Amino acid sequence: MRSSRVIVRLEGGLGNQLFQYATGRTIALATGRDLLLDTSAYREDRLRSYQLDRFAIAARPLRRRDVPSLKLRRSRLGAILPRRSRVEIVREAFPARVPVWPEAPVDDAGTPYLIGYWQSERYFAAVADTIRRELRVKAPPEGANTRLLADIAAGDAVALHVRRGDYVSNPAATAYHGLCGLDYYRGAIRRLEATVPQPHFFVFSDDLDWVRANLDTGHPTTFVGHNTDTPWEDLRLMAACRHFIVAKSSFSWWGAWQGEWPGKQVIAPARWFQADHGGEGEIVPAGWLRM
């Protein structure tokens, strides 16, 4: 009997969840299946929560009765899945070797269960318009966010994201990701000044006090700090901007990727990871400028 499902394991913050959804949804579309989201990781995660329900996604969380037998068998991404398995782990290859769906075969009988971060637009480029449409916030903006969207629409808005948090406080995260220093942001601002004569910077950060104290854009600047508990609202504001300076962050990656202003410019770090593991080439889209 043909399986009717694709399951993707969600983990990490909102940016990671968006990548995981986009890849699972692409396979579901390519094979005519329903997408189910395994949210069980958030039962133990005290720092993050499931947040995709704020978006117009075509999926729902997995329930125990959806999969009567969790006899998981391991495979590498793109391998032909054994026909008799009920649920088959499809684990992201690392360093990344990204196939273009639906060229990677998915067995008719097995239920693929995706584990990984899937941080490349190549996983879902074939259905990019669908992904953009489904990853829109469902509820209309309210209050300060409505006013900010009007401000963003009024001029050459630039979304600038500074990620600090555990990249500063956790030595392992610092060693793996590294930080975007002030030289990166100052250089990116100068680069945009050459083509955007009157930029208005909208700054998003998990440490706005540090940014205020250390980074002067030299242009009109709005610090956005009121959406601490509603990060999807910040994502909507970012995507409404015309140009982007992103951090080493899947969150600002999505803000820039969803932006659809003609002629948008996106500046990204020259090196996404501090650790050398061979995955650099897949993360930053070809049209973005690396500095």
Protein backbone atom coordinates (compact mmCIF):
# COMPACT_ATOMS: atom_id res chain seq x y z
CA MET A 1 0.00 0.00 0.00
CA ARG A 2 1.29 3.43 -0.91
CA SER A 3 2.22 5.68 2.01
CA SER A 4 0.28 8.95 2.08
CA ARG A 5 2.54 10.86 4.46
CA VAL A 6 5.82 12.65 4.84
CA ILE A 7 6.99 13.39 8.38
CA VAL A 8 9.57 16.02 9.28
CA ARG A 9 11.12 16.38 12.71
CA LEU A 10 11.09 19.97 13.93
CA GLU A 11 13.80 21.29 16.24
CA GLY A 12 15.43 24.60 17.00
CA GLY A 13 14.05 28.11 16.70
CA LEU A 14 11.67 29.59 14.19
CA GLY A 15 14.24 29.96 11.41
CA ASN A 16 15.14 26.28 11.62
CA GLN A 17 11.48 25.28 11.70
CA LEU A 18 10.90 27.21 8.48
CA PHE A 19 13.71 25.35 6.70
CA GLN A 20 12.42 22.01 7.95
CA TYR A 21 8.88 22.78 6.87
CA ALA A 22 9.94 24.01 3.42
CA THR A 23 11.90 20.84 2.66
CA GLY A 24 9.21 18.50 3.95
CA ARG A 25 6.52 20.39 2.07
CA THR A 26 8.50 20.15 -1.16
CA ILE A 27 8.69 16.36 -0.91
CA ALA A 28 5.01 16.20 0.00
CA LEU A 29 4.08 18.23 -3.08
CA ALA A 30 6.35 16.20 -5.34
CA THR A 31 4.88 12.89 -4.21
CA GLY A 32 1.25 13.86 -3.58
CA ARG A 33 1.40 13.22 0.16
CA ASP A 34 0.31 14.97 3.34
CA LEU A 35 2.97 16.59 5.53
CA LEU A 36 3.02 15.87 9.26
CA LEU A 37 5.22 17.75 11.74
CA ASP A 38 6.88 15.90 14.62
CA THR A 39 6.93 18.53 17.39
CA SER A 40 7.99 16.16 20.19
CA ALA A 41 11.40 17.87 20.60
CA TYR A 42 9.67 20.84 22.21
CA ARG A 43 8.46 18.78 25.15
CA GLU A 44 12.00 18.97 26.51
CA ASP A 45 13.20 22.25 25.00
CA ARG A 46 12.71 25.02 27.55
CA LEU A 47 14.14 27.75 25.33
CA ARG A 48 12.15 27.23 22.12
CA SER A 49 8.63 26.30 21.10
CA TYR A 50 6.68 25.18 18.07
CA GLN A 51 5.69 28.31 16.13
CA LEU A 52 4.67 27.25 12.63
CA ASP A 53 1.00 27.39 13.59
CA ARG A 54 1.24 31.17 13.14
CA PHE A 55 1.75 30.68 9.41
CA ALA A 56 -0.56 29.55 6.60
CA ILE A 57 1.15 26.17 6.37
CA ALA A 58 -0.26 23.08 4.67
CA ALA A 59 0.64 20.65 7.46
CA ARG A 60 -0.33 19.68 10.99
CA PRO A 61 1.47 18.30 14.04
CA LEU A 62 1.96 14.55 14.21
CA ARG A 63 -0.31 12.57 16.52
CA ARG A 64 0.64 9.22 17.99
CA ARG A 65 -2.13 7.43 16.12
CA ASP A 66 -0.81 8.73 12.79
CA VAL A 67 2.06 6.23 12.85
CA PRO A 68 1.06 2.87 14.37
CA SER A 69 4.59 1.48 14.13
CA LEU A 70 7.70 3.58 14.65
CA LYS A 71 10.18 0.97 13.50
CA LEU A 72 12.61 3.47 12.08
CA ARG A 73 15.20 2.33 9.56
CA ARG A 74 18.12 4.56 8.68
CA SER A 75 19.02 5.75 5.19
CA ARG A 76 21.00 8.55 3.62
CA LEU A 77 19.27 11.35 1.77
CA GLY A 78 18.48 10.26 -1.77
CA ALA A 79 18.80 6.52 -1.10
CA ILE A 80 16.00 4.25 -2.29
CA LEU A 81 13.91 3.37 0.76
CA PRO A 82 13.15 -0.29 1.58
CA ARG A 83 9.60 -1.06 0.46
CA ARG A 84 8.57 -2.96 3.58
CA SER A 85 9.48 -0.31 6.11
CA ARG A 86 6.68 1.67 7.70
CA VAL A 87 8.79 4.67 8.67
CA GLU A 88 12.20 5.37 7.16
CA ILE A 89 14.64 7.94 8.50
CA VAL A 90 15.93 10.26 5.80
CA ARG A 91 18.82 12.05 7.44
CA GLU A 92 20.41 15.17 5.98
CA ALA A 93 23.83 14.47 4.54
CA PHE A 94 26.60 16.59 6.04
CA PRO A 95 28.60 18.21 4.61
CA ALA A 96 25.61 19.17 2.54
CA ARG A 97 25.06 17.38 -0.76
CA VAL A 98 21.78 18.83 -1.89
CA PRO A 99 19.66 17.05 -4.49
CA VAL A 100 16.93 18.91 -6.32
CA TRP A 101 13.55 17.50 -5.40
CA PRO A 102 11.71 15.58 -6.74
CA GLU A 103 14.73 13.92 -8.35
CA ALA A 104 15.66 12.16 -5.09
CA PRO A 105 13.50 9.00 -5.06
CA VAL A 106 11.01 8.43 -2.26
CA ASP A 107 9.65 4.92 -1.96
CA ASP A 108 5.90 4.51 -2.48
CA ALA A 109 5.41 2.16 0.47
CA GLY A 110 7.59 3.76 3.11
CA THR A 111 6.85 6.88 5.12
CA PRO A 112 9.92 9.17 4.94
CA TYR A 113 10.83 10.74 8.29
CA LEU A 114 13.17 13.71 7.74
CA ILE A 115 15.82 14.63 10.30
CA GLY A 116 18.07 17.62 9.71
CA TYR A 117 18.20 21.38 9.35
CA TRP A 118 17.97 21.50 5.53
CA GLN A 119 19.46 25.00 5.33
CA SER A 120 19.52 25.59 1.58
CA GLU A 121 16.97 27.08 -0.79
CA ARG A 122 17.89 24.35 -3.28
CA TYR A 123 15.75 21.93 -1.29
CA PHE A 124 12.64 23.96 -2.11
CA ALA A 125 13.58 26.26 -5.01
CA ALA A 126 11.27 24.35 -7.37
CA VAL A 127 8.23 25.43 -5.34
CA ALA A 128 9.54 28.76 -4.01
CA ASP A 129 6.33 30.66 -4.78
CA THR A 130 4.27 28.13 -2.83
CA ILE A 131 6.65 28.24 0.13
CA ARG A 132 6.58 32.04 0.22
CA ARG A 133 2.80 32.03 0.14
CA GLU A 134 2.45 29.45 2.90
CA LEU A 135 5.06 31.05 5.15
CA ARG A 136 3.07 34.24 5.56
CA VAL A 137 1.76 35.15 8.99
CA LYS A 138 -1.96 34.35 9.11
CA ALA A 139 -3.16 37.03 11.52
CA PRO A 140 -3.17 40.65 10.30
CA PRO A 141 -0.68 43.03 11.93
CA GLU A 142 -1.83 45.17 14.82
CA GLY A 143 -0.72 48.24 16.78
CA ALA A 144 2.96 49.09 16.57
CA ASN A 145 3.54 46.52 13.83
CA THR A 146 0.94 48.15 11.59
CA ARG A 147 2.63 51.52 12.08
CA LEU A 148 6.07 50.05 11.41
CA LEU A 149 4.90 48.40 8.19
CA ALA A 150 3.71 51.82 7.02
CA ASP A 151 7.10 53.33 7.89
CA ILE A 152 8.89 50.53 6.07
CA ALA A 153 6.77 51.03 2.95
CA ALA A 154 7.47 54.76 2.91
CA GLY A 155 11.13 54.63 1.86
CA ASP A 156 14.27 52.60 1.24
CA ALA A 157 13.97 50.36 4.28
CA VAL A 158 16.93 48.15 5.18
CA ALA A 159 16.49 45.28 7.62
CA LEU A 160 19.67 44.89 9.70
CA HIS A 161 19.88 41.88 12.02
CA VAL A 162 22.43 41.41 14.81
CA ARG A 163 22.49 37.96 16.40
CA ARG A 164 24.28 37.68 19.73
CA GLY A 165 22.62 35.65 22.50
CA ASP A 166 24.19 32.18 22.81
CA TYR A 167 26.76 33.12 20.14
CA VAL A 168 28.27 35.26 22.92
CA SER A 169 27.35 33.36 26.08
CA ASN A 170 27.96 29.79 24.90
CA PRO A 171 31.62 29.04 24.02
CA ALA A 172 30.62 26.03 21.90
CA ALA A 173 28.20 28.15 19.85
CA THR A 174 30.83 30.85 19.46
CA ALA A 175 33.40 28.34 18.21
CA TYR A 176 30.94 26.79 15.77
CA HIS A 177 29.18 29.84 14.36
CA GLY A 178 31.39 32.79 15.17
CA LEU A 179 30.09 36.35 15.46
CA CYS A 180 29.53 39.00 12.84
CA GLY A 181 31.71 41.82 14.15
CA LEU A 182 31.21 45.55 13.90
CA ASP A 183 33.52 45.68 10.88
CA TYR A 184 31.10 43.47 8.99
CA TYR A 185 28.12 45.70 9.72
CA ARG A 186 29.99 48.94 9.04
CA GLY A 187 31.29 47.57 5.74
CA ALA A 188 27.83 46.36 4.74
CA ILE A 189 26.32 49.78 5.53
CA ARG A 190 28.96 51.50 3.39
CA ARG A 191 28.28 49.07 0.55
CA LEU A 192 24.55 49.81 0.60
CA GLU A 193 25.18 53.57 0.78
CA ALA A 194 26.76 53.36 -2.68
CA THR A 195 23.47 52.34 -4.29
CA VAL A 196 20.78 53.32 -1.77
CA PRO A 197 21.08 57.11 -1.28
CA GLN A 198 18.55 57.49 1.56
CA PRO A 199 18.41 54.24 3.53
CA HIS A 200 16.34 53.89 6.68
CA PHE A 201 17.66 51.07 8.86
CA PHE A 202 15.29 48.89 10.85
CA VAL A 203 17.42 47.03 13.40
CA PHE A 204 16.43 43.67 14.84
CA SER A 205 18.49 41.98 17.54
CA ASP A 206 18.37 39.82 20.66
CA ASP A 207 20.63 42.48 22.27
CA LEU A 208 19.39 45.89 21.15
CA ASP A 209 21.11 47.69 24.03
CA TRP A 210 24.49 46.48 22.75
CA VAL A 211 23.65 47.52 19.20
CA ARG A 212 22.53 50.99 20.29
CA ALA A 213 25.76 51.46 22.22
CA ASN A 214 28.11 50.16 19.53
CA LEU A 215 26.69 50.60 16.02
CA ASP A 216 25.89 53.97 14.47
CA THR A 217 24.45 53.55 10.98
CA GLY A 218 24.80 57.26 10.18
CA HIS A 219 21.24 57.23 8.82
CA PRO A 220 17.69 57.21 10.18
CA THR A 221 17.44 54.12 12.35
CA THR A 222 14.51 52.41 14.04
CA PHE A 223 15.27 49.80 16.70
CA VAL A 224 12.57 47.12 16.75
CA GLY A 225 12.37 45.51 20.17
CA HIS A 226 8.73 45.00 21.08
CA ASN A 227 8.14 41.59 19.46
CA THR A 228 10.19 39.55 21.94
CA ASP A 229 7.44 36.95 22.40
CA THR A 230 6.15 37.09 18.83
CA PRO A 231 9.16 36.57 16.54
CA TRP A 232 6.93 35.89 13.54
CA GLU A 233 5.96 39.57 13.68
CA ASP A 234 9.62 40.58 13.36
CA LEU A 235 9.93 38.20 10.43
CA ARG A 236 6.98 39.90 8.71
CA LEU A 237 8.57 43.32 9.29
CA MET A 238 11.93 42.17 7.94
CA ALA A 239 10.38 40.68 4.81
CA ALA A 240 8.63 43.98 4.07
CA CYS A 241 11.97 45.80 3.78
CA ARG A 242 13.66 46.48 0.46
CA HIS A 243 17.24 45.53 1.37
CA PHE A 244 18.88 43.32 3.98
CA ILE A 245 22.01 42.92 6.08
CA VAL A 246 21.77 39.48 7.62
CA ALA A 247 23.58 37.86 10.52
CA LYS A 248 24.74 34.25 10.75
CA SER A 249 21.17 33.42 11.54
CA SER A 250 18.49 31.29 9.91
CA PHE A 251 15.99 33.85 11.20
CA SER A 252 17.32 36.82 9.24
CA TRP A 253 18.02 34.45 6.32
CA TRP A 254 14.27 33.93 6.05
CA GLY A 255 13.49 37.61 6.41
CA ALA A 256 15.74 38.34 3.44
CA TRP A 257 14.61 35.35 1.37
CA GLN A 258 10.94 36.24 1.76
CA GLY A 259 11.53 39.85 0.73
CA GLU A 260 10.21 40.36 -2.79
CA TRP A 261 11.05 43.97 -3.57
CA PRO A 262 12.41 44.24 -7.16
CA GLY A 263 16.14 44.89 -7.10
CA LYS A 264 16.56 43.94 -3.44
CA GLN A 265 20.11 43.71 -2.18
CA VAL A 266 21.09 41.16 0.45
CA ILE A 267 24.46 41.28 2.21
CA ALA A 268 25.51 38.15 4.08
CA PRO A 269 28.67 37.11 5.96
CA ALA A 270 31.49 35.79 3.78
CA ARG A 271 31.82 32.85 6.15
CA TRP A 272 28.63 31.47 7.65
CA PHE A 273 30.28 29.01 10.02
CA GLN A 274 33.39 29.51 12.08
CA ALA A 275 33.99 25.76 12.11
CA ASP A 276 35.14 24.31 8.79
CA HIS A 277 32.81 21.46 7.86
CA GLY A 278 32.29 21.92 4.13
CA GLY A 279 28.69 23.12 4.28
CA GLU A 280 29.29 26.78 3.38
CA GLY A 281 28.35 26.56 -0.27
CA GLU A 282 24.71 25.64 0.18
CA ILE A 283 23.42 28.21 2.65
CA VAL A 284 23.81 31.64 1.04
CA PRO A 285 21.80 31.98 -2.22
CA ALA A 286 23.75 32.80 -5.35
CA GLY A 287 22.31 36.29 -5.73
CA TRP A 288 23.36 37.52 -2.29
CA LEU A 289 26.56 39.50 -1.75
CA ARG A 290 28.99 37.96 0.73
CA MET A 291 31.25 40.21 2.78
